Amino acid sequence: MGSIEIRAARKFYGANQVLHDVDFAIMDGEFIALVGPSGCGKSTLLRMIAGLESISGGEIVIGGKVVNDLSPKDRDIAMVFQNYALYPSMTVAQNMGFALRMAKAPKSQIDRSVARAAEILGLEDLLDRLPRQLSGGQRQRVAMGRAIVRDPQVFLFDEPLSNLDAKLRVQMRAEIKSLHQRLTTTTIYVTHDQIEALTMADRIVVMRAGHIEQIGTPLDLYDSPVNIFVAGFIGSPAMNQLRGRILVDASGASFDSGHAVTSLPGYEGGPVEDAILGIRPEHMAIAEHGFAAHVRVVEPTGYETLVYSSHGDQQIVMLLHERVDLKPGQPLHVRPTGDVHLFDGGTGARITTLRS
């Protein structure tokens, strides 16, 4: 069984604590993405699960067994690295079968396992080539094949696509997701690219400064971020964040940005002096009335158009699914057309979400 439990895991480098009581469970066969900004502790946590970093406190449990003191080779995991980590003098077949040869597996078993992995990954015609004769995407598939050959309980991916160009990253995303659907092996995938996490993972763990901010399905995090950090990190383009006040009087609730006031139908809380109004760029539209703004930059991409505008000293981004004729400096009004998220400006915690 490939279930994993992280129990109050801590990591210190000297006096510097980089992981703070990290605690969550992964079900057998689940695909989990660890995301967060550089230095948040996600790669450190992955290396602790792999046994490449020691654990300073807490427990790591794989398949029901505490593995804190087990060496990497005894944890029944396989790791795919960012830099592929292939042996340059070995062929593709030799690289893929290396771990089994070290384990003194019979040649017939090695050949079968390598052939199976090569078929899954479309590497049958490349088995006699050396790594230097392969493209970046082919090298990454070889690294994945080496992991498959081991038939582990758990796959660990450490930013495996960051060295690839944009087009190849999209292709490899689909290949890794297809591989997981076919093998159903428990997978932990570290990335700084939240689009990778949103498109591939069953659940996402969002980390910041060694703490877990939120765990949930991609749509849970997108639709119901628990705080302003998750709201800004998940989604591309990032959520608009307008700072202002929530006003409540006999006529209802409204949000005052300092330059415009907009009603908040459905808001049931009290007034908040320091608040943040969060709106996804695709939930903003050009209107006759609303937030007064001036166009700064227009980015047409064909099917969609990104419009960056200024509202006082704050920015509003719109993602429009049509082509528009707008010029820098042009005045316009914009308004919310979808969910509106309200956050406490001091703590960053979500106050409520007003559904459209």
Protein backbone atom coordinates (compact mmCIF):
# COMPACT_ATOMS: atom_id res chain seq x y z
CA MET A 1 0.00 0.00 0.00
CA GLY A 2 1.33 3.42 -0.97
CA SER A 3 -0.42 5.53 1.66
CA ILE A 4 1.71 8.19 3.34
CA GLU A 5 1.31 10.06 6.62
CA ILE A 6 3.33 13.13 7.57
CA ARG A 7 2.96 13.55 11.31
CA ALA A 8 4.07 16.89 12.82
CA ALA A 9 7.22 16.87 10.69
CA ARG A 10 9.86 19.43 11.59
CA LYS A 11 13.17 20.31 10.01
CA PHE A 12 15.99 22.43 11.41
CA TYR A 13 19.21 23.56 9.77
CA GLY A 14 21.11 24.58 12.85
CA ALA A 15 18.89 27.07 14.68
CA ASN A 16 16.88 27.81 11.55
CA GLN A 17 13.54 25.94 11.44
CA VAL A 18 12.38 25.44 7.84
CA LEU A 19 9.41 23.09 8.44
CA HIS A 20 6.93 23.67 11.26
CA ASP A 21 4.84 20.67 12.37
CA VAL A 22 3.73 19.73 8.85
CA ASP A 23 0.87 17.28 9.17
CA PHE A 24 -1.24 15.61 6.43
CA ALA A 25 -2.08 12.23 4.92
CA ILE A 26 -1.98 10.92 1.35
CA MET A 27 -4.22 8.06 0.24
CA ASP A 28 -2.95 5.08 -1.70
CA GLY A 29 -2.94 5.94 -5.41
CA GLU A 30 -3.46 9.68 -4.87
CA PHE A 31 -1.63 12.38 -6.85
CA ILE A 32 -0.58 15.20 -4.51
CA ALA A 33 1.13 18.42 -5.59
CA LEU A 34 3.23 20.47 -3.16
CA VAL A 35 3.27 24.10 -4.24
CA GLY A 36 4.53 27.38 -2.88
CA PRO A 37 7.13 30.08 -3.49
CA SER A 38 10.85 29.37 -3.49
CA GLY A 39 12.13 28.60 -0.01
CA CYS A 40 8.75 27.51 1.39
CA GLY A 41 10.04 24.01 2.29
CA LYS A 42 8.33 21.90 -0.37
CA SER A 43 11.50 20.33 -1.80
CA THR A 44 12.91 19.83 1.69
CA LEU A 45 9.75 17.93 2.65
CA LEU A 46 9.98 15.79 -0.49
CA ARG A 47 13.61 14.94 0.24
CA MET A 48 12.68 14.02 3.81
CA ILE A 49 10.04 11.61 2.47
CA ALA A 50 12.69 10.16 0.14
CA GLY A 51 15.23 9.81 2.95
CA LEU A 52 17.67 12.24 1.34
CA GLU A 53 17.20 14.66 4.24
CA SER A 54 16.95 13.68 7.90
CA ILE A 55 13.82 14.56 9.89
CA SER A 56 14.34 16.76 12.96
CA GLY A 57 11.04 15.85 14.61
CA GLY A 58 7.76 14.06 13.95
CA GLU A 59 7.22 10.97 11.80
CA ILE A 60 7.03 9.95 8.16
CA VAL A 61 4.95 6.83 7.55
CA ILE A 62 4.92 4.98 4.21
CA GLY A 63 2.63 1.99 3.76
CA GLY A 64 1.94 1.88 7.49
CA LYS A 65 5.64 1.78 8.46
CA VAL A 66 7.55 4.60 10.15
CA VAL A 67 10.54 5.23 7.87
CA ASN A 68 12.37 7.97 9.79
CA ASP A 69 15.48 5.82 10.21
CA LEU A 70 15.32 3.86 6.95
CA SER A 71 17.76 4.55 4.12
CA PRO A 72 16.32 5.75 0.77
CA LYS A 73 16.76 2.32 -0.85
CA ASP A 74 14.67 0.69 1.87
CA ARG A 75 11.67 3.05 1.58
CA ASP A 76 10.25 1.56 -1.66
CA ILE A 77 10.11 4.93 -3.40
CA ALA A 78 11.41 6.20 -6.74
CA MET A 79 12.37 9.80 -7.36
CA VAL A 80 12.48 11.80 -10.60
CA PHE A 81 14.77 14.83 -10.42
CA GLN A 82 14.77 18.19 -12.16
CA ASN A 83 18.12 17.51 -13.87
CA TYR A 84 17.20 13.93 -14.97
CA ALA A 85 20.28 12.42 -13.18
CA LEU A 86 21.07 10.00 -16.04
CA TYR A 87 24.41 8.23 -16.40
CA PRO A 88 25.96 9.75 -19.55
CA SER A 89 27.92 6.64 -20.54
CA MET A 90 24.95 4.29 -20.26
CA THR A 91 22.30 3.69 -22.91
CA VAL A 92 18.64 4.39 -22.28
CA ALA A 93 18.02 0.71 -21.51
CA GLN A 94 20.99 0.56 -19.14
CA ASN A 95 19.89 3.73 -17.33
CA MET A 96 16.36 2.40 -16.91
CA GLY A 97 17.49 -1.00 -15.64
CA PHE A 98 20.28 0.26 -13.38
CA ALA A 99 18.42 -0.05 -10.06
CA LEU A 100 17.36 -3.62 -10.85
CA ARG A 101 20.93 -4.56 -11.79
CA MET A 102 22.16 -3.15 -8.47
CA ALA A 103 19.53 -5.28 -6.75
CA LYS A 104 20.94 -8.30 -8.65
CA ALA A 105 17.61 -9.01 -10.35
CA PRO A 106 17.69 -11.69 -13.09
CA LYS A 107 18.44 -10.37 -16.58
CA SER A 108 15.12 -11.69 -17.87
CA GLN A 109 13.26 -9.64 -15.24
CA ILE A 110 15.29 -6.52 -16.05
CA ASP A 111 14.60 -6.91 -19.78
CA ARG A 112 10.86 -7.38 -19.19
CA SER A 113 10.62 -4.40 -16.86
CA VAL A 114 12.60 -2.11 -19.17
CA ALA A 115 10.54 -3.20 -22.20
CA ARG A 116 7.28 -2.54 -20.31
CA ALA A 117 8.39 0.94 -19.19
CA ALA A 118 9.66 1.76 -22.68
CA GLU A 119 6.30 0.79 -24.17
CA ILE A 120 4.39 2.92 -21.67
CA LEU A 121 6.58 5.96 -22.40
CA GLY A 122 7.12 5.49 -26.14
CA LEU A 123 10.86 4.86 -25.79
CA GLU A 124 11.07 1.54 -27.69
CA ASP A 125 13.12 3.04 -30.54
CA LEU A 126 15.52 4.89 -28.23
CA LEU A 127 16.77 2.09 -25.97
CA ASP A 128 20.24 1.95 -27.56
CA ARG A 129 20.86 5.71 -27.50
CA LEU A 130 22.97 7.64 -25.01
CA PRO A 131 21.47 10.56 -23.02
CA ARG A 132 23.41 13.13 -25.07
CA GLN A 133 21.57 11.90 -28.18
CA LEU A 134 18.15 12.67 -26.66
CA SER A 135 16.03 15.80 -26.39
CA GLY A 136 15.10 17.24 -23.01
CA GLY A 137 11.66 15.67 -23.14
CA GLN A 138 13.10 12.28 -24.07
CA ARG A 139 15.60 12.46 -21.20
CA GLN A 140 12.78 13.23 -18.79
CA ARG A 141 10.84 10.21 -20.06
CA VAL A 142 13.92 8.04 -19.49
CA ALA A 143 14.12 9.34 -15.91
CA MET A 144 10.44 8.47 -15.48
CA GLY A 145 11.07 5.05 -17.03
CA ARG A 146 13.83 4.37 -14.52
CA ALA A 147 11.29 5.08 -11.75
CA ILE A 148 8.62 2.85 -13.33
CA VAL A 149 11.02 -0.09 -13.66
CA ARG A 150 11.46 -0.15 -9.90
CA ASP A 151 7.67 -0.61 -9.40
CA PRO A 152 7.73 1.38 -6.13
CA GLN A 153 4.97 2.19 -3.68
CA VAL A 154 5.49 5.93 -4.25
CA PHE A 155 6.72 8.19 -7.07
CA LEU A 156 8.38 11.47 -6.03
CA PHE A 157 8.80 14.25 -8.63
CA ASP A 158 11.00 17.26 -7.80
CA GLU A 159 10.14 20.04 -10.30
CA PRO A 160 10.71 17.64 -13.23
CA LEU A 161 9.58 20.03 -15.99
CA SER A 162 11.36 23.24 -15.02
CA ASN A 163 14.19 22.70 -17.53
CA LEU A 164 11.84 22.24 -20.49
CA ASP A 165 10.46 24.89 -22.83
CA ALA A 166 6.83 26.00 -22.49
CA LYS A 167 5.40 23.83 -25.26
CA LEU A 168 7.19 20.71 -24.03
CA ARG A 169 6.08 21.36 -20.44
CA VAL A 170 2.45 21.25 -21.55
CA GLN A 171 3.06 17.99 -23.41
CA MET A 172 4.91 16.40 -20.49
CA ARG A 173 2.18 17.48 -18.06
CA ALA A 174 -0.29 15.42 -20.04
CA GLU A 175 2.14 12.48 -20.21
CA ILE A 176 2.74 12.43 -16.44
CA LYS A 177 -0.99 12.67 -15.72
CA SER A 178 -1.70 9.87 -18.21
CA LEU A 179 1.05 7.78 -16.61
CA HIS A 180 -0.50 8.21 -13.17
CA GLN A 181 -3.95 7.25 -14.46
CA ARG A 182 -2.47 4.10 -15.98
CA LEU A 183 -0.26 3.01 -13.06
CA THR A 184 -2.28 4.48 -10.12
CA THR A 185 0.92 4.71 -8.05
CA THR A 186 0.87 7.19 -5.17
CA THR A 187 2.58 10.34 -6.46
CA ILE A 188 3.96 13.45 -4.76
CA TYR A 189 4.85 16.22 -7.20
CA VAL A 190 6.75 19.36 -6.17
CA THR A 191 6.39 22.42 -8.37
CA HIS A 192 6.50 26.21 -8.16
CA ASP A 193 4.14 26.32 -11.18
CA GLN A 194 0.58 26.40 -9.87
CA ILE A 195 -0.81 25.66 -13.36
CA GLU A 196 0.99 22.29 -13.26
CA ALA A 197 -0.58 21.61 -9.88
CA LEU A 198 -4.08 22.69 -10.95
CA THR A 199 -4.07 20.54 -14.09
CA MET A 200 -2.45 17.39 -12.69
CA ALA A 201 -3.15 16.87 -8.99
CA ASP A 202 -6.02 15.22 -7.12
CA ARG A 203 -5.23 17.51 -4.20
CA ILE A 204 -2.85 20.42 -3.71
CA VAL A 205 -0.86 21.30 -0.58
CA VAL A 206 -0.07 25.04 -0.54
CA MET A 207 2.97 25.89 1.58
CA ARG A 208 4.50 29.12 2.80
CA ALA A 209 7.53 29.60 5.08
CA GLY A 210 7.47 25.98 6.23
CA HIS A 211 3.76 25.95 7.09
CA ILE A 212 0.77 24.48 5.28
CA GLU A 213 -1.66 27.22 4.28
CA GLN A 214 -4.39 25.05 2.72
CA ILE A 215 -4.99 21.54 1.38
CA GLY A 216 -7.75 20.76 -1.10
CA THR A 217 -8.75 19.82 -4.61
CA PRO A 218 -7.71 22.26 -7.33
CA LEU A 219 -11.25 23.65 -7.59
CA ASP A 220 -11.57 23.91 -3.78
CA LEU A 221 -8.47 26.10 -3.64
CA TYR A 222 -9.51 28.12 -6.67
CA ASP A 223 -13.10 28.73 -5.53
CA SER A 224 -12.62 28.92 -1.76
CA PRO A 225 -9.12 30.13 -0.78
CA VAL A 226 -8.79 30.34 3.00
CA ASN A 227 -6.62 33.45 2.93
CA ILE A 228 -5.23 36.15 0.69
CA PHE A 229 -1.96 34.24 0.13
CA VAL A 230 -3.69 31.19 -1.35
CA ALA A 231 -6.04 33.46 -3.30
CA GLY A 232 -3.11 35.24 -4.91
CA PHE A 233 -0.97 32.14 -5.46
CA ILE A 234 -3.58 29.85 -7.05
CA GLY A 235 -4.87 31.04 -10.42
CA SER A 236 -3.28 32.71 -13.43
CA PRO A 237 -3.57 35.63 -13.89
CA ALA A 238 -3.64 36.18 -10.15
CA MET A 239 -6.77 37.31 -8.34
CA ASN A 240 -7.38 41.07 -8.21
CA GLN A 241 -6.99 42.43 -4.69
CA LEU A 242 -8.49 45.83 -3.96
CA ARG A 243 -7.92 47.27 -0.50
CA GLY A 244 -10.64 49.35 1.16
CA ARG A 245 -13.44 49.23 3.74
CA ILE A 246 -16.64 47.23 4.14
CA LEU A 247 -19.49 49.58 5.02
CA VAL A 248 -22.81 48.45 6.48
CA ASP A 249 -25.87 50.65 6.94
CA ALA A 250 -29.65 50.41 6.67
CA SER A 251 -29.50 50.09 2.89
CA GLY A 252 -27.12 47.14 2.99
CA ALA A 253 -23.40 46.45 2.65
CA SER A 254 -20.89 47.98 0.26
CA PHE A 255 -17.17 48.08 -0.40
CA ASP A 256 -15.37 51.43 -0.53
CA SER A 257 -12.01 51.31 -2.33
CA GLY A 258 -11.35 55.00 -1.67
CA HIS A 259 -12.14 55.77 -5.31
CA ALA A 260 -15.46 53.97 -5.79
CA VAL A 261 -18.17 52.23 -3.80
CA THR A 262 -19.79 48.99 -4.95
CA SER A 263 -22.64 47.11 -3.27
CA LEU A 264 -22.10 43.71 -1.66
CA PRO A 265 -25.41 41.86 -2.03
CA GLY A 266 -25.61 38.88 0.30
CA TYR A 267 -23.01 40.12 2.77
CA GLU A 268 -24.20 39.37 6.32
CA GLY A 269 -21.25 40.50 8.45
CA GLY A 270 -20.39 43.75 10.11
CA PRO A 271 -18.26 46.67 8.94
CA VAL A 272 -14.53 46.11 8.44
CA GLU A 273 -12.15 49.07 8.37
CA ASP A 274 -9.29 47.22 6.63
CA ALA A 275 -10.62 44.78 4.04
CA ILE A 276 -9.54 43.33 0.72
CA LEU A 277 -11.94 42.64 -2.13
CA GLY A 278 -10.77 39.71 -4.26
CA ILE A 279 -12.09 39.12 -7.79
CA ARG A 280 -10.74 36.71 -10.39
CA PRO A 281 -9.74 38.46 -13.66
CA GLU A 282 -12.24 36.33 -15.61
CA HIS A 283 -14.97 37.59 -13.26
CA MET A 284 -14.47 41.22 -14.30
CA ALA A 285 -16.16 42.94 -17.25
CA ILE A 286 -16.36 46.34 -18.89
CA ALA A 287 -19.53 48.16 -17.81
CA GLU A 288 -21.26 51.52 -17.89
CA HIS A 289 -20.89 51.90 -14.13
CA GLY A 290 -18.56 50.38 -11.54
CA PHE A 291 -14.90 50.89 -10.68
CA ALA A 292 -13.50 53.79 -12.70
CA ALA A 293 -10.18 52.82 -14.25
CA HIS A 294 -7.69 53.72 -16.97
CA VAL A 295 -6.25 51.20 -19.38
CA ARG A 296 -2.52 50.58 -18.94
CA VAL A 297 -1.69 47.56 -21.10
CA VAL A 298 -3.71 45.37 -23.48
CA GLU A 299 -2.44 41.86 -24.28
CA PRO A 300 -4.39 40.12 -27.07
CA THR A 301 -3.71 36.38 -27.25
CA GLY A 302 -6.21 35.47 -29.98
CA TYR A 303 -9.05 33.77 -28.15
CA GLU A 304 -8.62 35.89 -25.00
CA THR A 305 -7.57 39.43 -24.15
CA LEU A 306 -5.83 40.54 -20.96
CA VAL A 307 -6.51 44.14 -19.95
CA TYR A 308 -4.40 45.74 -17.21
CA SER A 309 -5.90 48.92 -15.81
CA SER A 310 -5.32 51.28 -12.89
CA HIS A 311 -7.97 52.14 -10.33
CA GLY A 312 -6.42 54.96 -8.34
CA ASP A 313 -3.14 53.48 -7.14
CA GLN A 314 -4.43 49.91 -7.40
CA GLN A 315 -4.42 47.51 -10.34
CA ILE A 316 -7.35 45.68 -11.90
CA VAL A 317 -6.77 42.90 -14.43
CA MET A 318 -9.53 41.61 -16.71
CA LEU A 319 -9.45 38.37 -18.70
CA LEU A 320 -11.93 38.85 -21.52
CA HIS A 321 -13.07 36.10 -23.88
CA GLU A 322 -13.46 38.50 -26.77
CA ARG A 323 -11.38 40.98 -28.72
CA VAL A 324 -11.61 44.59 -27.63
CA ASP A 325 -10.38 47.86 -29.11
CA LEU A 326 -8.81 49.59 -26.11
CA LYS A 327 -5.87 51.98 -25.99
CA PRO A 328 -3.47 52.82 -23.13
CA GLY A 329 -4.81 55.74 -21.10
CA GLN A 330 -8.41 55.16 -22.18
CA PRO A 331 -10.93 55.55 -19.33
CA LEU A 332 -13.48 52.82 -18.64
CA HIS A 333 -15.59 51.29 -15.90
CA VAL A 334 -15.32 47.67 -14.76
CA ARG A 335 -17.53 45.58 -12.51
CA PRO A 336 -17.57 42.09 -10.95
CA THR A 337 -19.58 39.44 -12.82
CA GLY A 338 -18.73 36.41 -10.67
CA ASP A 339 -17.77 35.37 -7.15
CA VAL A 340 -16.49 38.12 -4.83
CA HIS A 341 -14.08 37.16 -2.04
CA LEU A 342 -13.67 39.32 1.04
CA PHE A 343 -10.58 39.11 3.24
CA ASP A 344 -9.42 40.74 6.45
CA GLY A 345 -6.73 43.23 5.46
CA GLY A 346 -4.81 42.71 8.71
CA THR A 347 -4.73 38.92 9.08
CA GLY A 348 -5.31 37.99 5.43
CA ALA A 349 -7.97 35.45 6.46
CA ARG A 350 -11.08 35.07 4.33
CA ILE A 351 -14.16 36.75 5.76
CA THR A 352 -16.63 35.30 3.28
CA THR A 353 -17.21 34.55 -0.39
CA LEU A 354 -20.25 36.03 -2.10
CA ARG A 355 -21.29 33.61 -4.80
CA SER A 356 -22.56 34.95 -8.10
